[in-house]
């Protein structure tokens, strides 16, 4: 189990299914790599998807 560095919830990174990857999650992964996050897997799937949706909408946090 890992702890998300953004929301501090525990999640199991092995449970993330490749089929469940959404365009928002992919966009979040690109954004996180671009800003220099060392390990994008330190964020839970919900936080990664939320960041991707915020980027799609054009809002920043």
C-alpha atoms as a PDB file:
ATOM      1  CA  UNK A   1       0.000   0.000   0.000  1.00  0.00           C
ATOM      2  CA  UNK A   2       1.181   3.492  -0.835  1.00  0.00           C
ATOM      3  CA  UNK A   3      -0.012   6.823   0.507  1.00  0.00           C
ATOM      4  CA  UNK A   4      -0.959   9.552  -1.956  1.00  0.00           C
ATOM      5  CA  UNK A   5       1.246  12.608  -1.556  1.00  0.00           C
ATOM      6  CA  UNK A   6      -1.644  14.921  -2.458  1.00  0.00           C
ATOM      7  CA  UNK A   7      -4.696  13.631  -0.537  1.00  0.00           C
ATOM      8  CA  UNK A   8      -2.900  11.259   1.902  1.00  0.00           C
ATOM      9  CA  UNK A   9      -5.252   8.349   1.165  1.00  0.00           C
ATOM     10  CA  UNK A  10      -3.844   4.857   0.942  1.00  0.00           C
ATOM     11  CA  UNK A  11      -4.025   3.081  -2.401  1.00  0.00           C
ATOM     12  CA  UNK A  12      -2.646  -0.066  -3.954  1.00  0.00           C
ATOM     13  CA  UNK A  13      -0.769   0.781  -7.129  1.00  0.00           C
ATOM     14  CA  UNK A  14      -0.953  -2.831  -8.337  1.00  0.00           C
ATOM     15  CA  UNK A  15      -4.778  -2.617  -8.528  1.00  0.00           C
ATOM     16  CA  UNK A  16      -4.676   0.037 -11.244  1.00  0.00           C
ATOM     17  CA  UNK A  17      -5.857  -1.688 -14.403  1.00  0.00           C
ATOM     18  CA  UNK A  18      -4.379  -0.663 -17.754  1.00  0.00           C
ATOM     19  CA  UNK A  19      -7.869  -0.732 -19.293  1.00  0.00           C
ATOM     20  CA  UNK A  20      -9.067   1.906 -16.808  1.00  0.00           C
ATOM     21  CA  UNK A  21      -6.590   4.518 -18.070  1.00  0.00           C
ATOM     22  CA  UNK A  22      -8.603   7.509 -19.226  1.00  0.00           C
ATOM     23  CA  UNK A  23      -7.538  10.435 -21.423  1.00  0.00           C
ATOM     24  CA  UNK A  24      -7.647  12.656 -18.330  1.00  0.00           C
ATOM     25  CA  UNK A  25      -5.239  10.340 -16.489  1.00  0.00           C
ATOM     26  CA  UNK A  26      -2.891  10.287 -19.476  1.00  0.00           C
ATOM     27  CA  UNK A  27      -2.948  14.099 -19.606  1.00  0.00           C
ATOM     28  CA  UNK A  28      -2.187  14.259 -15.898  1.00  0.00           C
ATOM     29  CA  UNK A  29       0.778  11.915 -16.376  1.00  0.00           C
ATOM     30  CA  UNK A  30       2.153  14.179 -19.115  1.00  0.00           C
ATOM     31  CA  UNK A  31       1.618  17.257 -16.937  1.00  0.00           C
ATOM     32  CA  UNK A  32       3.321  15.673 -13.914  1.00  0.00           C
ATOM     33  CA  UNK A  33       6.335  14.586 -15.968  1.00  0.00           C
ATOM     34  CA  UNK A  34       6.549  18.069 -17.502  1.00  0.00           C
ATOM     35  CA  UNK A  35       6.659  19.847 -14.131  1.00  0.00           C
ATOM     36  CA  UNK A  36       9.359  17.467 -12.903  1.00  0.00           C
ATOM     37  CA  UNK A  37       7.606  15.132 -10.470  1.00  0.00           C
ATOM     38  CA  UNK A  38      10.065  12.318  -9.771  1.00  0.00           C
ATOM     39  CA  UNK A  39       7.530   9.504  -9.411  1.00  0.00           C
ATOM     40  CA  UNK A  40       4.071  10.044 -10.871  1.00  0.00           C
ATOM     41  CA  UNK A  41       2.921   6.868  -9.140  1.00  0.00           C
ATOM     42  CA  UNK A  42       3.122   8.651  -5.769  1.00  0.00           C
ATOM     43  CA  UNK A  43      -0.349  10.057  -6.509  1.00  0.00           C
ATOM     44  CA  UNK A  44      -3.485   7.936  -6.290  1.00  0.00           C
ATOM     45  CA  UNK A  45      -5.450   7.323  -9.503  1.00  0.00           C
ATOM     46  CA  UNK A  46      -8.239   9.676  -8.344  1.00  0.00           C
ATOM     47  CA  UNK A  47      -5.836  12.601  -7.832  1.00  0.00           C
ATOM     48  CA  UNK A  48      -4.124  11.932 -11.156  1.00  0.00           C
ATOM     49  CA  UNK A  49      -7.464  11.920 -12.955  1.00  0.00           C
ATOM     50  CA  UNK A  50      -8.542  15.095 -11.159  1.00  0.00           C
ATOM     51  CA  UNK A  51      -5.364  16.878 -12.269  1.00  0.00           C
ATOM     52  CA  UNK A  52      -5.996  15.729 -15.831  1.00  0.00           C
ATOM     53  CA  UNK A  53      -9.580  16.999 -15.804  1.00  0.00           C
ATOM     54  CA  UNK A  54      -8.422  20.351 -14.429  1.00  0.00           C
ATOM     55  CA  UNK A  55      -5.929  20.585 -17.306  1.00  0.00           C
ATOM     56  CA  UNK A  56      -8.624  19.684 -19.840  1.00  0.00           C
ATOM     57  CA  UNK A  57     -10.854  22.431 -18.494  1.00  0.00           C
ATOM     58  CA  UNK A  58      -8.016  24.933 -18.457  1.00  0.00           C
ATOM     59  CA  UNK A  59      -8.071  25.572 -14.721  1.00  0.00           C
ATOM     60  CA  UNK A  60      -4.965  25.468 -12.572  1.00  0.00           C
ATOM     61  CA  UNK A  61      -4.662  24.675  -8.909  1.00  0.00           C
END
